């Protein structure tokens, strides 16, 4: 089970599509365009678009650069640990 965390939330990610949607939501929440984000970490706009559409072929290095540009982090957690977690801030 993978999650990504921003300063105020943790979101469960179950597929490339849900990851892309979550990244798009965070980018828009910060008022940034795909081009703005890409320029900050050396990723072209079409690549950002593919990631946000849930392209399963996204390279891990690209994903981590995009997470850094959006001030996000990735957290891996077992499903069992999630069931025992009482923070309540996970969707």
PDB file of N, CA and C in Angstrom:
ATOM      1  N   UNK A   1       0.850  -1.171   0.000  1.00  0.00           N
ATOM      2  CA  UNK A   1       0.000   0.000   0.000  1.00  0.00           C
ATOM      3  C   UNK A   1       0.895   1.233   0.000  1.00  0.00           C
ATOM      4  N   UNK A   2       0.655   2.144  -0.891  1.00  0.00           N
ATOM      5  CA  UNK A   2       1.440   3.374  -0.972  1.00  0.00           C
ATOM      6  C   UNK A   2       0.578   4.573  -0.619  1.00  0.00           C
ATOM      7  N   UNK A   3       1.232   5.554  -0.056  1.00  0.00           N
ATOM      8  CA  UNK A   3       0.578   6.805   0.291  1.00  0.00           C
ATOM      9  C   UNK A   3       1.498   7.924  -0.129  1.00  0.00           C
ATOM     10  N   UNK A   4       0.954   9.086  -0.342  1.00  0.00           N
ATOM     11  CA  UNK A   4       1.827  10.238  -0.384  1.00  0.00           C
ATOM     12  C   UNK A   4       1.292  11.243   0.592  1.00  0.00           C
ATOM     13  N   UNK A   5       2.205  12.041   1.122  1.00  0.00           N
ATOM     14  CA  UNK A   5       1.861  12.955   2.194  1.00  0.00           C
ATOM     15  C   UNK A   5       2.287  14.365   1.826  1.00  0.00           C
ATOM     16  N   UNK A   6       1.374  15.294   2.010  1.00  0.00           N
ATOM     17  CA  UNK A   6       1.713  16.709   1.972  1.00  0.00           C
ATOM     18  C   UNK A   6       1.667  17.180   3.415  1.00  0.00           C
ATOM     19  N   UNK A   7       1.825  18.458   3.633  1.00  0.00           N
ATOM     20  CA  UNK A   7       1.880  18.952   5.006  1.00  0.00           C
ATOM     21  C   UNK A   7       0.582  18.732   5.762  1.00  0.00           C
ATOM     22  N   UNK A   8      -0.533  18.645   5.082  1.00  0.00           N
ATOM     23  CA  UNK A   8      -1.813  18.592   5.778  1.00  0.00           C
ATOM     24  C   UNK A   8      -2.661  17.368   5.454  1.00  0.00           C
ATOM     25  N   UNK A   9      -2.105  16.384   4.747  1.00  0.00           N
ATOM     26  CA  UNK A   9      -2.936  15.241   4.405  1.00  0.00           C
ATOM     27  C   UNK A   9      -2.109  14.027   4.048  1.00  0.00           C
ATOM     28  N   UNK A  10      -2.725  12.876   4.151  1.00  0.00           N
ATOM     29  CA  UNK A  10      -2.178  11.623   3.650  1.00  0.00           C
ATOM     30  C   UNK A  10      -3.241  11.035   2.743  1.00  0.00           C
ATOM     31  N   UNK A  11      -2.824  10.578   1.574  1.00  0.00           N
ATOM     32  CA  UNK A  11      -3.786  10.036   0.624  1.00  0.00           C
ATOM     33  C   UNK A  11      -3.365   8.643   0.193  1.00  0.00           C
ATOM     34  N   UNK A  12      -4.305   7.706   0.235  1.00  0.00           N
ATOM     35  CA  UNK A  12      -4.043   6.345  -0.207  1.00  0.00           C
ATOM     36  C   UNK A  12      -4.030   6.316  -1.730  1.00  0.00           C
ATOM     37  N   UNK A  13      -3.024   5.649  -2.290  1.00  0.00           N
ATOM     38  CA  UNK A  13      -2.878   5.531  -3.739  1.00  0.00           C
ATOM     39  C   UNK A  13      -2.980   4.055  -4.104  1.00  0.00           C
ATOM     40  N   UNK A  14      -3.945   3.721  -4.956  1.00  0.00           N
ATOM     41  CA  UNK A  14      -4.172   2.331  -5.325  1.00  0.00           C
ATOM     42  C   UNK A  14      -3.860   2.017  -6.779  1.00  0.00           C
ATOM     43  N   UNK A  15      -3.590   3.041  -7.584  1.00  0.00           N
ATOM     44  CA  UNK A  15      -3.341   2.814  -9.007  1.00  0.00           C
ATOM     45  C   UNK A  15      -2.574   4.001  -9.577  1.00  0.00           C
ATOM     46  N   UNK A  16      -1.989   3.830 -10.766  1.00  0.00           N
ATOM     47  CA  UNK A  16      -1.347   4.983 -11.418  1.00  0.00           C
ATOM     48  C   UNK A  16      -2.333   6.126 -11.646  1.00  0.00           C
ATOM     49  N   UNK A  17      -3.583   5.778 -11.929  1.00  0.00           N
ATOM     50  CA  UNK A  17      -4.594   6.811 -12.166  1.00  0.00           C
ATOM     51  C   UNK A  17      -4.882   7.613 -10.904  1.00  0.00           C
ATOM     52  N   UNK A  18      -4.990   6.929  -9.756  1.00  0.00           N
ATOM     53  CA  UNK A  18      -5.254   7.665  -8.514  1.00  0.00           C
ATOM     54  C   UNK A  18      -4.045   8.501  -8.108  1.00  0.00           C
ATOM     55  N   UNK A  19      -2.841   8.017  -8.409  1.00  0.00           N
ATOM     56  CA  UNK A  19      -1.643   8.816  -8.147  1.00  0.00           C
ATOM     57  C   UNK A  19      -1.655  10.067  -9.009  1.00  0.00           C
ATOM     58  N   UNK A  20      -1.936   9.911 -10.291  1.00  0.00           N
ATOM     59  CA  UNK A  20      -1.980  11.058 -11.192  1.00  0.00           C
ATOM     60  C   UNK A  20      -3.010  12.085 -10.775  1.00  0.00           C
ATOM     61  N   UNK A  21      -4.193  11.611 -10.396  1.00  0.00           N
ATOM     62  CA  UNK A  21      -5.252  12.529  -9.959  1.00  0.00           C
ATOM     63  C   UNK A  21      -4.848  13.273  -8.691  1.00  0.00           C
ATOM     64  N   UNK A  22      -4.210  12.576  -7.770  1.00  0.00           N
ATOM     65  CA  UNK A  22      -3.778  13.215  -6.527  1.00  0.00           C
ATOM     66  C   UNK A  22      -2.696  14.259  -6.793  1.00  0.00           C
ATOM     67  N   UNK A  23      -1.760  13.947  -7.685  1.00  0.00           N
ATOM     68  CA  UNK A  23      -0.709  14.914  -8.024  1.00  0.00           C
ATOM     69  C   UNK A  23      -1.307  16.141  -8.706  1.00  0.00           C
ATOM     70  N   UNK A  24      -2.247  15.926  -9.616  1.00  0.00           N
ATOM     71  CA  UNK A  24      -2.912  17.044 -10.290  1.00  0.00           C
ATOM     72  C   UNK A  24      -3.621  17.935  -9.266  1.00  0.00           C
ATOM     73  N   UNK A  25      -4.341  17.303  -8.336  1.00  0.00           N
ATOM     74  CA  UNK A  25      -5.056  18.056  -7.304  1.00  0.00           C
ATOM     75  C   UNK A  25      -4.092  18.908  -6.475  1.00  0.00           C
ATOM     76  N   UNK A  26      -2.970  18.332  -6.066  1.00  0.00           N
ATOM     77  CA  UNK A  26      -1.981  19.075  -5.278  1.00  0.00           C
ATOM     78  C   UNK A  26      -1.378  20.228  -6.081  1.00  0.00           C
ATOM     79  N   UNK A  27      -1.080  19.958  -7.370  1.00  0.00           N
ATOM     80  CA  UNK A  27      -0.501  21.008  -8.219  1.00  0.00           C
ATOM     81  C   UNK A  27      -1.470  22.172  -8.344  1.00  0.00           C
ATOM     82  N   UNK A  28      -2.724  21.859  -8.618  1.00  0.00           N
ATOM     83  CA  UNK A  28      -3.727  22.920  -8.782  1.00  0.00           C
ATOM     84  C   UNK A  28      -3.972  23.654  -7.470  1.00  0.00           C
ATOM     85  N   UNK A  29      -3.957  22.930  -6.357  1.00  0.00           N
ATOM     86  CA  UNK A  29      -4.135  23.554  -5.045  1.00  0.00           C
ATOM     87  C   UNK A  29      -3.043  24.598  -4.784  1.00  0.00           C
ATOM     88  N   UNK A  30      -1.857  24.343  -5.323  1.00  0.00           N
ATOM     89  CA  UNK A  30      -0.737  25.274  -5.162  1.00  0.00           C
ATOM     90  C   UNK A  30      -0.742  26.375  -6.222  1.00  0.00           C
ATOM     91  N   UNK A  31      -1.705  26.328  -7.152  1.00  0.00           N
ATOM     92  CA  UNK A  31      -1.817  27.349  -8.183  1.00  0.00           C
ATOM     93  C   UNK A  31      -0.730  27.285  -9.237  1.00  0.00           C
ATOM     94  N   UNK A  32      -0.215  26.082  -9.494  1.00  0.00           N
ATOM     95  CA  UNK A  32       0.872  25.910 -10.453  1.00  0.00           C
ATOM     96  C   UNK A  32       0.376  25.256 -11.734  1.00  0.00           C
ATOM     97  N   UNK A  33       0.965  25.657 -12.850  1.00  0.00           N
ATOM     98  CA  UNK A  33       0.676  24.987 -14.117  1.00  0.00           C
ATOM     99  C   UNK A  33       1.615  23.789 -14.259  1.00  0.00           C
ATOM    100  N   UNK A  34       1.304  22.910 -15.193  1.00  0.00           N
ATOM    101  CA  UNK A  34       2.202  21.791 -15.480  1.00  0.00           C
ATOM    102  C   UNK A  34       3.563  22.309 -15.923  1.00  0.00           C
ATOM    103  N   UNK A  35       3.566  23.376 -16.701  1.00  0.00           N
ATOM    104  CA  UNK A  35       4.819  23.965 -17.172  1.00  0.00           C
ATOM    105  C   UNK A  35       5.632  24.513 -16.011  1.00  0.00           C
ATOM    106  N   UNK A  36       4.975  25.215 -15.078  1.00  0.00           N
ATOM    107  CA  UNK A  36       5.676  25.751 -13.904  1.00  0.00           C
ATOM    108  C   UNK A  36       6.367  24.641 -13.123  1.00  0.00           C
ATOM    109  N   UNK A  37       5.628  23.583 -12.847  1.00  0.00           N
ATOM    110  CA  UNK A  37       6.182  22.468 -12.077  1.00  0.00           C
ATOM    111  C   UNK A  37       7.338  21.830 -12.838  1.00  0.00           C
ATOM    112  N   UNK A  38       7.134  21.590 -14.113  1.00  0.00           N
ATOM    113  CA  UNK A  38       8.171  20.966 -14.920  1.00  0.00           C
ATOM    114  C   UNK A  38       9.453  21.767 -14.972  1.00  0.00           C
ATOM    115  N   UNK A  39       9.338  23.076 -15.142  1.00  0.00           N
ATOM    116  CA  UNK A  39      10.530  23.927 -15.202  1.00  0.00           C
ATOM    117  C   UNK A  39      11.318  23.879 -13.905  1.00  0.00           C
ATOM    118  N   UNK A  40      10.628  23.742 -12.787  1.00  0.00           N
ATOM    119  CA  UNK A  40      11.327  23.762 -11.499  1.00  0.00           C
ATOM    120  C   UNK A  40      12.193  22.523 -11.276  1.00  0.00           C
ATOM    121  N   UNK A  41      11.896  21.430 -11.980  1.00  0.00           N
ATOM    122  CA  UNK A  41      12.663  20.196 -11.780  1.00  0.00           C
ATOM    123  C   UNK A  41      13.156  19.556 -13.082  1.00  0.00           C
ATOM    124  N   UNK A  42      13.042  20.278 -14.185  1.00  0.00           N
ATOM    125  CA  UNK A  42      13.575  19.775 -15.447  1.00  0.00           C
ATOM    126  C   UNK A  42      12.765  18.662 -16.093  1.00  0.00           C
ATOM    127  N   UNK A  43      11.454  18.739 -15.979  1.00  0.00           N
ATOM    128  CA  UNK A  43      10.562  17.770 -16.624  1.00  0.00           C
ATOM    129  C   UNK A  43       9.686  18.545 -17.606  1.00  0.00           C
ATOM    130  N   UNK A  44       9.551  18.043 -18.838  1.00  0.00           N
ATOM    131  CA  UNK A  44       8.735  18.785 -19.801  1.00  0.00           C
ATOM    132  C   UNK A  44       7.240  18.612 -19.513  1.00  0.00           C
ATOM    133  N   UNK A  45       6.453  19.561 -20.001  1.00  0.00           N
ATOM    134  CA  UNK A  45       5.009  19.593 -19.731  1.00  0.00           C
ATOM    135  C   UNK A  45       4.293  18.328 -20.205  1.00  0.00           C
ATOM    136  N   UNK A  46       4.610  17.791 -21.400  1.00  0.00           N
ATOM    137  CA  UNK A  46       3.920  16.566 -21.813  1.00  0.00           C
ATOM    138  C   UNK A  46       4.149  15.389 -20.847  1.00  0.00           C
ATOM    139  N   UNK A  47       5.325  15.329 -20.240  1.00  0.00           N
ATOM    140  CA  UNK A  47       5.599  14.265 -19.268  1.00  0.00           C
ATOM    141  C   UNK A  47       4.736  14.441 -18.027  1.00  0.00           C
ATOM    142  N   UNK A  48       4.617  15.680 -17.547  1.00  0.00           N
ATOM    143  CA  UNK A  48       3.755  15.960 -16.385  1.00  0.00           C
ATOM    144  C   UNK A  48       2.318  15.542 -16.718  1.00  0.00           C
ATOM    145  N   UNK A  49       1.866  15.867 -17.910  1.00  0.00           N
ATOM    146  CA  UNK A  49       0.515  15.507 -18.333  1.00  0.00           C
ATOM    147  C   UNK A  49       0.319  13.995 -18.311  1.00  0.00           C
ATOM    148  N   UNK A  50       1.289  13.248 -18.820  1.00  0.00           N
ATOM    149  CA  UNK A  50       1.185  11.782 -18.836  1.00  0.00           C
ATOM    150  C   UNK A  50       1.124  11.216 -17.413  1.00  0.00           C
ATOM    151  N   UNK A  51       1.941  11.759 -16.516  1.00  0.00           N
ATOM    152  CA  UNK A  51       1.916  11.300 -15.120  1.00  0.00           C
ATOM    153  C   UNK A  51       0.540  11.561 -14.517  1.00  0.00           C
ATOM    154  N   UNK A  52       0.014  12.760 -14.725  1.00  0.00           N
ATOM    155  CA  UNK A  52      -1.286  13.124 -14.157  1.00  0.00           C
ATOM    156  C   UNK A  52      -2.436  12.311 -14.756  1.00  0.00           C
ATOM    157  N   UNK A  53      -2.241  11.783 -15.956  1.00  0.00           N
ATOM    158  CA  UNK A  53      -3.260  10.924 -16.576  1.00  0.00           C
ATOM    159  C   UNK A  53      -3.126   9.471 -16.128  1.00  0.00           C
ATOM    160  N   UNK A  54      -2.110   9.181 -15.317  1.00  0.00           N
ATOM    161  CA  UNK A  54      -1.950   7.837 -14.779  1.00  0.00           C
ATOM    162  C   UNK A  54      -1.136   6.898 -15.632  1.00  0.00           C
ATOM    163  N   UNK A  55      -0.199   7.429 -16.411  1.00  0.00           N
ATOM    164  CA  UNK A  55       0.654   6.595 -17.248  1.00  0.00           C
ATOM    165  C   UNK A  55       1.425   5.602 -16.372  1.00  0.00           C
ATOM    166  N   UNK A  56       1.188   4.295 -16.550  1.00  0.00           N
ATOM    167  CA  UNK A  56       1.879   3.313 -15.714  1.00  0.00           C
ATOM    168  C   UNK A  56       3.361   3.170 -16.043  1.00  0.00           C
ATOM    169  N   UNK A  57       3.819   3.775 -17.127  1.00  0.00           N
ATOM    170  CA  UNK A  57       5.222   3.684 -17.514  1.00  0.00           C
ATOM    171  C   UNK A  57       6.098   4.801 -16.974  1.00  0.00           C
ATOM    172  N   UNK A  58       5.586   5.585 -16.046  1.00  0.00           N
ATOM    173  CA  UNK A  58       6.352   6.697 -15.489  1.00  0.00           C
ATOM    174  C   UNK A  58       7.573   6.170 -14.745  1.00  0.00           C
ATOM    175  N   UNK A  59       8.731   6.747 -15.042  1.00  0.00           N
ATOM    176  CA  UNK A  59       9.955   6.345 -14.353  1.00  0.00           C
ATOM    177  C   UNK A  59       9.926   6.827 -12.911  1.00  0.00           C
ATOM    178  N   UNK A  60      10.492   6.029 -12.022  1.00  0.00           N
ATOM    179  CA  UNK A  60      10.527   6.406 -10.610  1.00  0.00           C
ATOM    180  C   UNK A  60      11.260   7.719 -10.389  1.00  0.00           C
ATOM    181  N   UNK A  61      12.349   7.941 -11.109  1.00  0.00           N
ATOM    182  CA  UNK A  61      13.094   9.195 -10.953  1.00  0.00           C
ATOM    183  C   UNK A  61      12.209  10.389 -11.293  1.00  0.00           C
ATOM    184  N   UNK A  62      11.400  10.252 -12.328  1.00  0.00           N
ATOM    185  CA  UNK A  62      10.476  11.326 -12.709  1.00  0.00           C
ATOM    186  C   UNK A  62       9.451  11.551 -11.607  1.00  0.00           C
ATOM    187  N   UNK A  63       8.903  10.474 -11.075  1.00  0.00           N
ATOM    188  CA  UNK A  63       7.922  10.584 -10.001  1.00  0.00           C
ATOM    189  C   UNK A  63       8.512  11.307  -8.792  1.00  0.00           C
ATOM    190  N   UNK A  64       9.717  10.939  -8.386  1.00  0.00           N
ATOM    191  CA  UNK A  64      10.322  11.574  -7.213  1.00  0.00           C
ATOM    192  C   UNK A  64      10.648  13.042  -7.463  1.00  0.00           C
ATOM    193  N   UNK A  65      11.040  13.387  -8.674  1.00  0.00           N
ATOM    194  CA  UNK A  65      11.278  14.803  -8.986  1.00  0.00           C
ATOM    195  C   UNK A  65       9.976  15.588  -8.924  1.00  0.00           C
ATOM    196  N   UNK A  66       8.906  14.995  -9.417  1.00  0.00           N
ATOM    197  CA  UNK A  66       7.603  15.649  -9.369  1.00  0.00           C
ATOM    198  C   UNK A  66       7.113  15.798  -7.925  1.00  0.00           C
ATOM    199  N   UNK A  67       7.278  14.764  -7.119  1.00  0.00           N
ATOM    200  CA  UNK A  67       6.920  14.857  -5.700  1.00  0.00           C
ATOM    201  C   UNK A  67       7.697  15.983  -5.021  1.00  0.00           C
ATOM    202  N   UNK A  68       8.989  16.096  -5.321  1.00  0.00           N
ATOM    203  CA  UNK A  68       9.808  17.157  -4.727  1.00  0.00           C
ATOM    204  C   UNK A  68       9.315  18.530  -5.163  1.00  0.00           C
ATOM    205  N   UNK A  69       8.965  18.667  -6.431  1.00  0.00           N
ATOM    206  CA  UNK A  69       8.492  19.958  -6.940  1.00  0.00           C
ATOM    207  C   UNK A  69       7.210  20.391  -6.244  1.00  0.00           C
ATOM    208  N   UNK A  70       6.397  19.424  -5.829  1.00  0.00           N
ATOM    209  CA  UNK A  70       5.126  19.725  -5.173  1.00  0.00           C
ATOM    210  C   UNK A  70       5.232  19.655  -3.648  1.00  0.00           C
ATOM    211  N   UNK A  71       6.445  19.485  -3.139  1.00  0.00           N
ATOM    212  CA  UNK A  71       6.705  19.402  -1.699  1.00  0.00           C
ATOM    213  C   UNK A  71       5.897  18.270  -1.063  1.00  0.00           C
ATOM    214  N   UNK A  72       5.961  17.094  -1.706  1.00  0.00           N
ATOM    215  CA  UNK A  72       5.264  15.898  -1.232  1.00  0.00           C
ATOM    216  C   UNK A  72       6.281  14.812  -0.934  1.00  0.00           C
ATOM    217  N   UNK A  73       5.879  13.830  -0.148  1.00  0.00           N
ATOM    218  CA  UNK A  73       6.732  12.675   0.103  1.00  0.00           C
ATOM    219  C   UNK A  73       5.918  11.403  -0.086  1.00  0.00           C
ATOM    220  N   UNK A  74       6.611  10.319  -0.359  1.00  0.00           N
ATOM    221  CA  UNK A  74       5.991   9.018  -0.552  1.00  0.00           C
ATOM    222  C   UNK A  74       6.202   8.193   0.707  1.00  0.00           C
ATOM    223  N   UNK A  75       5.177   7.489   1.127  1.00  0.00           N
ATOM    224  CA  UNK A  75       5.258   6.622   2.303  1.00  0.00           C
ATOM    225  C   UNK A  75       4.685   5.266   1.923  1.00  0.00           C
ATOM    226  N   UNK A  76       5.394   4.200   2.260  1.00  0.00           N
ATOM    227  CA  UNK A  76       4.922   2.844   2.021  1.00  0.00           C
ATOM    228  C   UNK A  76       4.476   2.277   3.364  1.00  0.00           C
ATOM    229  N   UNK A  77       3.275   1.729   3.407  1.00  0.00           N
ATOM    230  CA  UNK A  77       2.723   1.218   4.656  1.00  0.00           C
ATOM    231  C   UNK A  77       1.974  -0.071   4.367  1.00  0.00           C
ATOM    232  N   UNK A  78       2.131  -1.066   5.224  1.00  0.00           N
ATOM    233  CA  UNK A  78       1.406  -2.323   5.026  1.00  0.00           C
ATOM    234  C   UNK A  78      -0.083  -2.106   5.261  1.00  0.00           C
ATOM    235  N   UNK A  79      -0.877  -2.916   4.621  1.00  0.00           N
ATOM    236  CA  UNK A  79      -2.324  -2.810   4.811  1.00  0.00           C
ATOM    237  C   UNK A  79      -2.704  -3.128   6.253  1.00  0.00           C
ATOM    238  N   UNK A  80      -1.994  -4.063   6.862  1.00  0.00           N
ATOM    239  CA  UNK A  80      -2.264  -4.402   8.259  1.00  0.00           C
ATOM    240  C   UNK A  80      -1.985  -3.203   9.158  1.00  0.00           C
ATOM    241  N   UNK A  81      -0.886  -2.529   8.918  1.00  0.00           N
ATOM    242  CA  UNK A  81      -0.551  -1.347   9.716  1.00  0.00           C
ATOM    243  C   UNK A  81      -1.625  -0.280   9.542  1.00  0.00           C
ATOM    244  N   UNK A  82      -2.115  -0.130   8.323  1.00  0.00           N
ATOM    245  CA  UNK A  82      -3.174   0.835   8.060  1.00  0.00           C
ATOM    246  C   UNK A  82      -4.429   0.501   8.860  1.00  0.00           C
ATOM    247  N   UNK A  83      -4.788  -0.764   8.920  1.00  0.00           N
ATOM    248  CA  UNK A  83      -5.978  -1.178   9.664  1.00  0.00           C
ATOM    249  C   UNK A  83      -5.851  -0.852  11.151  1.00  0.00           C
ATOM    250  N   UNK A  84      -4.621  -0.878  11.666  1.00  0.00           N
ATOM    251  CA  UNK A  84      -4.381  -0.583  13.079  1.00  0.00           C
ATOM    252  C   UNK A  84      -4.126   0.889  13.345  1.00  0.00           C
ATOM    253  N   UNK A  85      -3.995   1.681  12.296  1.00  0.00           N
ATOM    254  CA  UNK A  85      -3.665   3.098  12.416  1.00  0.00           C
ATOM    255  C   UNK A  85      -4.925   3.881  12.766  1.00  0.00           C
ATOM    256  N   UNK A  86      -4.851   4.690  13.793  1.00  0.00           N
ATOM    257  CA  UNK A  86      -6.030   5.437  14.239  1.00  0.00           C
ATOM    258  C   UNK A  86      -5.935   6.919  13.946  1.00  0.00           C
ATOM    259  N   UNK A  87      -5.008   7.321  13.097  1.00  0.00           N
ATOM    260  CA  UNK A  87      -4.890   8.744  12.783  1.00  0.00           C
ATOM    261  C   UNK A  87      -6.138   9.279  12.102  1.00  0.00           C
ATOM    262  N   UNK A  88      -6.776   8.459  11.271  1.00  0.00           N
ATOM    263  CA  UNK A  88      -8.026   8.857  10.647  1.00  0.00           C
ATOM    264  C   UNK A  88      -7.896   9.823   9.491  1.00  0.00           C
ATOM    265  N   UNK A  89      -6.709  10.144   9.085  1.00  0.00           N
ATOM    266  CA  UNK A  89      -6.505  11.152   8.054  1.00  0.00           C
ATOM    267  C   UNK A  89      -6.225  10.512   6.700  1.00  0.00           C
ATOM    268  N   UNK A  90      -6.616   9.263   6.518  1.00  0.00           N
ATOM    269  CA  UNK A  90      -6.361   8.540   5.275  1.00  0.00           C
ATOM    270  C   UNK A  90      -7.695   8.234   4.613  1.00  0.00           C
ATOM    271  N   UNK A  91      -7.761   8.447   3.310  1.00  0.00           N
ATOM    272  CA  UNK A  91      -8.986   8.154   2.571  1.00  0.00           C
ATOM    273  C   UNK A  91      -8.898   6.771   1.989  1.00  0.00           C
TER     274      UNK A  91
END
